[in-house]
C-alpha atoms as a PDB file:
ATOM      1  CA  VAL A   1       0.128  -0.072   0.097  1.00  0.00           C
ATOM      2  CA  SER A   2       1.383   3.301  -0.829  1.00  0.00           C
ATOM      3  CA  PRO A   3       1.204   6.114   1.777  1.00  0.00           C
ATOM      4  CA  THR A   4      -1.099   8.092  -0.563  1.00  0.00           C
ATOM      5  CA  GLN A   5      -4.480   8.401   1.057  1.00  0.00           C
ATOM      6  CA  ILE A   6      -7.473   8.481  -1.368  1.00  0.00           C
ATOM      7  CA  LEU A   7     -11.029   9.499  -0.560  1.00  0.00           C
ATOM      8  CA  PHE A   8     -13.739   8.500  -3.034  1.00  0.00           C
ATOM      9  CA  GLY A   9     -16.659  10.862  -3.691  1.00  0.00           C
ATOM     10  CA  GLY A  10     -14.738  14.226  -4.443  1.00  0.00           C
ATOM     11  CA  GLU A  11     -13.626  13.448  -8.129  1.00  0.00           C
ATOM     12  CA  SER A  12     -13.585  10.370 -10.367  1.00  0.00           C
ATOM     13  CA  ILE A  13     -10.721   8.184 -10.125  1.00  0.00           C
ATOM     14  CA  ALA A  14      -9.322   5.152 -11.982  1.00  0.00           C
ATOM     15  CA  LEU A  15      -6.620   2.601 -11.510  1.00  0.00           C
ATOM     16  CA  LYS A  16      -5.190   0.656 -14.420  1.00  0.00           C
ATOM     17  CA  SER A  17      -2.575  -2.218 -13.978  1.00  0.00           C
ATOM     18  CA  ARG A  18      -1.137  -5.160 -15.667  1.00  0.00           C
ATOM     19  CA  ILE A  19      -0.151  -8.169 -13.592  1.00  0.00           C
ATOM     20  CA  PHE A  20       1.215 -11.841 -14.412  1.00  0.00           C
ATOM     21  CA  ILE A  21       0.787 -14.641 -11.912  1.00  0.00           C
ATOM     22  CA  GLU A  22       3.350 -17.258 -12.675  1.00  0.00           C
ATOM     23  CA  SER A  23       2.012 -20.075 -10.374  1.00  0.00           C
ATOM     24  CA  LEU A  24      -1.134 -20.377  -8.613  1.00  0.00           C
ATOM     25  CA  ALA A  25      -0.375 -23.632  -6.855  1.00  0.00           C
ATOM     26  CA  ALA A  26      -4.094 -23.756  -5.923  1.00  0.00           C
ATOM     27  CA  THR A  27      -4.413 -26.974  -4.039  1.00  0.00           C
ATOM     28  CA  THR A  28      -5.642 -27.817  -0.751  1.00  0.00           C
ATOM     29  CA  THR A  29      -1.860 -27.690   0.640  1.00  0.00           C
ATOM     30  CA  ASN A  30      -1.050 -24.377  -1.093  1.00  0.00           C
ATOM     31  CA  GLU A  31      -3.352 -21.602  -0.304  1.00  0.00           C
ATOM     32  CA  LEU A  32      -3.124 -17.942  -1.157  1.00  0.00           C
ATOM     33  CA  VAL A  33      -5.215 -14.897  -1.291  1.00  0.00           C
ATOM     34  CA  LEU A  34      -4.528 -12.089  -3.730  1.00  0.00           C
ATOM     35  CA  ARG A  35      -5.864  -8.603  -3.719  1.00  0.00           C
ATOM     36  CA  HIS A  36      -5.202  -5.969  -6.204  1.00  0.00           C
ATOM     37  CA  GLY A  37      -6.639  -2.508  -6.636  1.00  0.00           C
ATOM     38  CA  PHE A  38      -7.817   0.272  -4.156  1.00  0.00           C
ATOM     39  CA  LEU A  39      -7.039  -1.136  -0.758  1.00  0.00           C
ATOM     40  CA  ASP A  40      -5.845   0.203   2.685  1.00  0.00           C
ATOM     41  CA  SER A  41      -4.107  -2.982   4.039  1.00  0.00           C
ATOM     42  CA  LEU A  42      -1.538  -5.455   2.733  1.00  0.00           C
ATOM     43  CA  SER A  43      -1.634  -7.601   5.958  1.00  0.00           C
ATOM     44  CA  GLY A  44      -5.083  -8.914   5.379  1.00  0.00           C
ATOM     45  CA  GLU A  45      -8.659  -7.904   4.114  1.00  0.00           C
ATOM     46  CA  PRO A  46      -8.824  -4.211   3.836  1.00  0.00           C
ATOM     47  CA  VAL A  47     -11.238  -2.082   5.944  1.00  0.00           C
ATOM     48  CA  ASP A  48     -12.031   0.210   2.945  1.00  0.00           C
ATOM     49  CA  GLY A  49     -11.554  -0.404  -0.721  1.00  0.00           C
ATOM     50  CA  ALA A  50     -12.287  -1.449  -4.148  1.00  0.00           C
ATOM     51  CA  TYR A  51     -10.412  -4.325  -5.640  1.00  0.00           C
ATOM     52  CA  PHE A  52     -10.003  -7.680  -7.287  1.00  0.00           C
ATOM     53  CA  ARG A  53      -9.654 -10.708  -5.174  1.00  0.00           C
ATOM     54  CA  TYR A  54      -8.496 -14.230  -6.146  1.00  0.00           C
ATOM     55  CA  SER A  55      -8.384 -16.885  -3.408  1.00  0.00           C
ATOM     56  CA  HIS A  56      -7.701 -20.669  -3.809  1.00  0.00           C
ATOM     57  CA  GLY A  57     -11.280 -21.663  -3.182  1.00  0.00           C
ATOM     58  CA  ASN A  58     -12.680 -19.523  -6.356  1.00  0.00           C
ATOM     59  CA  ALA A  59     -11.392 -20.145  -9.951  1.00  0.00           C
ATOM     60  CA  ASN A  60     -12.565 -16.698 -11.004  1.00  0.00           C
ATOM     61  CA  TRP A  61     -11.812 -13.149 -10.196  1.00  0.00           C
ATOM     62  CA  VAL A  62     -14.108 -11.568  -7.559  1.00  0.00           C
ATOM     63  CA  CYS A  63     -14.886  -7.889  -7.521  1.00  0.00           C
ATOM     64  CA  VAL A  64     -14.878  -6.579  -4.105  1.00  0.00           C
ATOM     65  CA  THR A  65     -16.146  -3.216  -2.490  1.00  0.00           C
ATOM     66  CA  ARG A  66     -15.535  -2.708   1.317  1.00  0.00           C
ATOM     67  CA  SER A  67     -16.646   0.158   3.552  1.00  0.00           C
ATOM     68  CA  ASN A  68     -15.745   0.030   7.273  1.00  0.00           C
ATOM     69  CA  ASP A  69     -15.325  -3.719   7.230  1.00  0.00           C
ATOM     70  CA  SER A  70     -18.598  -4.605   5.381  1.00  0.00           C
ATOM     71  CA  GLU A  71     -18.231  -6.108   2.105  1.00  0.00           C
ATOM     72  CA  THR A  72     -20.035  -6.734  -1.318  1.00  0.00           C
ATOM     73  CA  THR A  73     -18.661  -9.165  -3.726  1.00  0.00           C
ATOM     74  CA  HIS A  74     -19.459 -10.360  -7.265  1.00  0.00           C
ATOM     75  CA  THR A  75     -17.889 -13.254  -8.789  1.00  0.00           C
ATOM     76  CA  THR A  76     -17.054 -12.717 -12.644  1.00  0.00           C
ATOM     77  CA  SER A  77     -17.061 -15.293 -15.241  1.00  0.00           C
ATOM     78  CA  VAL A  78     -13.398 -14.645 -15.932  1.00  0.00           C
ATOM     79  CA  ALA A  79     -11.015 -17.350 -14.762  1.00  0.00           C
ATOM     80  CA  VAL A  80      -7.685 -16.431 -12.898  1.00  0.00           C
ATOM     81  CA  VAL A  81      -5.049 -17.877 -14.951  1.00  0.00           C
ATOM     82  CA  GLU A  82      -1.446 -18.535 -14.334  1.00  0.00           C
ATOM     83  CA  ASP A  83       1.560 -17.565 -16.698  1.00  0.00           C
ATOM     84  CA  ALA A  84      -0.477 -14.971 -18.573  1.00  0.00           C
ATOM     85  CA  TRP A  85      -0.584 -11.062 -18.388  1.00  0.00           C
ATOM     86  CA  ILE A  86      -3.798  -9.552 -17.217  1.00  0.00           C
ATOM     87  CA  LYS A  87      -5.106  -5.883 -17.448  1.00  0.00           C
ATOM     88  CA  HIS A  88      -7.331  -4.677 -14.549  1.00  0.00           C
ATOM     89  CA  HIS A  89      -9.111  -1.312 -14.521  1.00  0.00           C
ATOM     90  CA  ILE A  90     -11.170  -0.013 -11.717  1.00  0.00           C
ATOM     91  CA  LYS A  91     -13.244   3.212 -12.077  1.00  0.00           C
ATOM     92  CA  VAL A  92     -14.879   5.091  -9.332  1.00  0.00           C
ATOM     93  CA  ASN A  93     -17.353   7.692 -10.300  1.00  0.00           C
ATOM     94  CA  ALA A  94     -17.106  11.438  -8.986  1.00  0.00           C
ATOM     95  CA  ALA A  95     -20.020  10.941  -6.451  1.00  0.00           C
ATOM     96  CA  GLY A  96     -18.312   7.731  -4.984  1.00  0.00           C
ATOM     97  CA  THR A  97     -21.623   5.760  -5.843  1.00  0.00           C
ATOM     98  CA  GLU A  98     -20.445   3.529  -8.575  1.00  0.00           C
ATOM     99  CA  VAL A  99     -17.543   1.395  -9.192  1.00  0.00           C
ATOM    100  CA  GLU A 100     -16.610  -0.325 -12.696  1.00  0.00           C
ATOM    101  CA  PHE A 101     -14.508  -3.179 -12.883  1.00  0.00           C
ATOM    102  CA  TYR A 102     -12.805  -4.299 -16.265  1.00  0.00           C
ATOM    103  CA  ILE A 103     -10.692  -7.148 -17.119  1.00  0.00           C
ATOM    104  CA  ASN A 104      -8.560  -6.941 -20.278  1.00  0.00           C
ATOM    105  CA  GLY A 105     -10.859  -4.044 -21.526  1.00  0.00           C
ATOM    106  CA  SER A 106     -14.138  -5.746 -20.794  1.00  0.00           C
ATOM    107  CA  LEU A 107     -16.528  -4.577 -18.140  1.00  0.00           C
ATOM    108  CA  VAL A 108     -17.189  -7.452 -15.794  1.00  0.00           C
ATOM    109  CA  HIS A 109     -19.179  -5.735 -13.017  1.00  0.00           C
ATOM    110  CA  THR A 110     -20.659  -2.424 -11.739  1.00  0.00           C
ATOM    111  CA  ALA A 111     -20.815  -2.181  -8.069  1.00  0.00           C
ATOM    112  CA  THR A 112     -23.128   0.369  -6.288  1.00  0.00           C
ATOM    113  CA  GLY A 113     -22.996  -0.832  -2.752  1.00  0.00           C
ATOM    114  CA  THR A 114     -20.605  -0.783   0.210  1.00  0.00           C
ATOM    115  CA  ILE A 115     -18.417   1.746  -1.525  1.00  0.00           C
ATOM    116  CA  PRO A 116     -16.108   3.769   1.072  1.00  0.00           C
ATOM    117  CA  THR A 117     -17.172   7.243   1.085  1.00  0.00           C
ATOM    118  CA  GLY A 118     -17.131   9.832   3.866  1.00  0.00           C
ATOM    119  CA  ALA A 119     -14.703  11.783   5.893  1.00  0.00           C
ATOM    120  CA  SER A 120     -12.773   8.768   7.571  1.00  0.00           C
ATOM    121  CA  ARG A 121     -13.243   6.030   4.733  1.00  0.00           C
ATOM    122  CA  TYR A 122      -9.692   6.577   3.137  1.00  0.00           C
ATOM    123  CA  THR A 123      -8.134   3.943   1.105  1.00  0.00           C
ATOM    124  CA  SER A 124      -4.879   3.659  -1.025  1.00  0.00           C
ATOM    125  CA  PHE A 125      -3.743   1.551  -3.834  1.00  0.00           C
ATOM    126  CA  GLY A 126      -1.665  -1.695  -4.017  1.00  0.00           C
ATOM    127  CA  THR A 127      -1.354  -5.579  -4.416  1.00  0.00           C
ATOM    128  CA  SER A 128      -1.329  -7.967  -1.545  1.00  0.00           C
ATOM    129  CA  CYS A 129      -0.367 -11.804  -2.116  1.00  0.00           C
ATOM    130  CA  ILE A 130      -0.759 -13.620   1.188  1.00  0.00           C
ATOM    131  CA  LYS A 131       0.037 -17.387   1.420  1.00  0.00           C
ATOM    132  CA  SER A 132      -1.740 -19.141   4.259  1.00  0.00           C
ATOM    133  CA  ALA A 133      -0.409 -22.554   3.735  1.00  0.00           C
ATOM    134  CA  GLY A 134       1.811 -24.500   1.516  1.00  0.00           C
ATOM    135  CA  SER A 135       5.437 -24.483   0.265  1.00  0.00           C
ATOM    136  CA  VAL A 136       5.207 -23.742  -3.530  1.00  0.00           C
ATOM    137  CA  ASP A 137       6.371 -20.255  -4.502  1.00  0.00           C
ATOM    138  CA  ASN A 138       3.806 -18.029  -6.022  1.00  0.00           C
ATOM    139  CA  ASP A 139       5.566 -15.438  -8.115  1.00  0.00           C
ATOM    140  CA  LEU A 140       3.714 -12.268  -9.020  1.00  0.00           C
ATOM    141  CA  PHE A 141       4.792  -9.731 -11.520  1.00  0.00           C
ATOM    142  CA  LEU A 142       3.495  -6.091 -11.909  1.00  0.00           C
ATOM    143  CA  ASP A 143       3.981  -4.426 -15.180  1.00  0.00           C
ATOM    144  CA  TYR A 144       2.547  -0.905 -14.315  1.00  0.00           C
ATOM    145  CA  PHE A 145       0.265   0.656 -11.939  1.00  0.00           C
ATOM    146  CA  GLN A 146      -1.368   3.784 -12.950  1.00  0.00           C
ATOM    147  CA  ILE A 147      -3.807   6.017 -10.922  1.00  0.00           C
ATOM    148  CA  ILE A 148      -5.763   8.549 -12.993  1.00  0.00           C
ATOM    149  CA  PRO A 149      -7.622  11.222 -11.103  1.00  0.00           C
ATOM    150  CA  ASP A 150     -10.181  13.217 -12.995  1.00  0.00           C
ATOM    151  CA  PRO A 151     -11.098  16.415 -11.147  1.00  0.00           C
ATOM    152  CA  THR A 152     -14.627  17.513 -11.532  1.00  0.00           C
ATOM    153  CA  SER A 153     -13.761  21.214 -11.130  1.00  0.00           C
ATOM    154  CA  THR A 154     -10.669  23.320 -12.112  1.00  0.00           C
ATOM    155  CA  ARG A 155      -8.119  23.452  -9.495  1.00  0.00           C
ATOM    156  CA  PHE A 156      -6.433  26.737 -10.553  1.00  0.00           C
END
């Protein structure tokens, strides 16, 4: 997680990234959880965020919005694959009332609930890959991570 604090609901903001998962090792003896997008914690489930999640128990990408530890999820029809580059794009509208999730340029979900807004609902951005069991290495490569603010009013 970067030290940057992001507060949804003042301007639209987008995150674009490209990642490569070398090995999923998704068996009962090798368990991991990958989170990627807007999140405020790398050590576990974020309190506030909007991100993609993969866990060993689900073969497809899950879109997650979390506010104050409450969560709304949507399992996409897009499988998490190893040894392939994947593009993630998350767009939050200016009001903080809608989050669009894209995979490889295609819209996979629009979330309208459990979006962190309000004076104390700060988030950030990053990637977290936590292994809870097993000994097989899970290498993750990040090609780029781009944050794109879109101010709704002129700043100068």
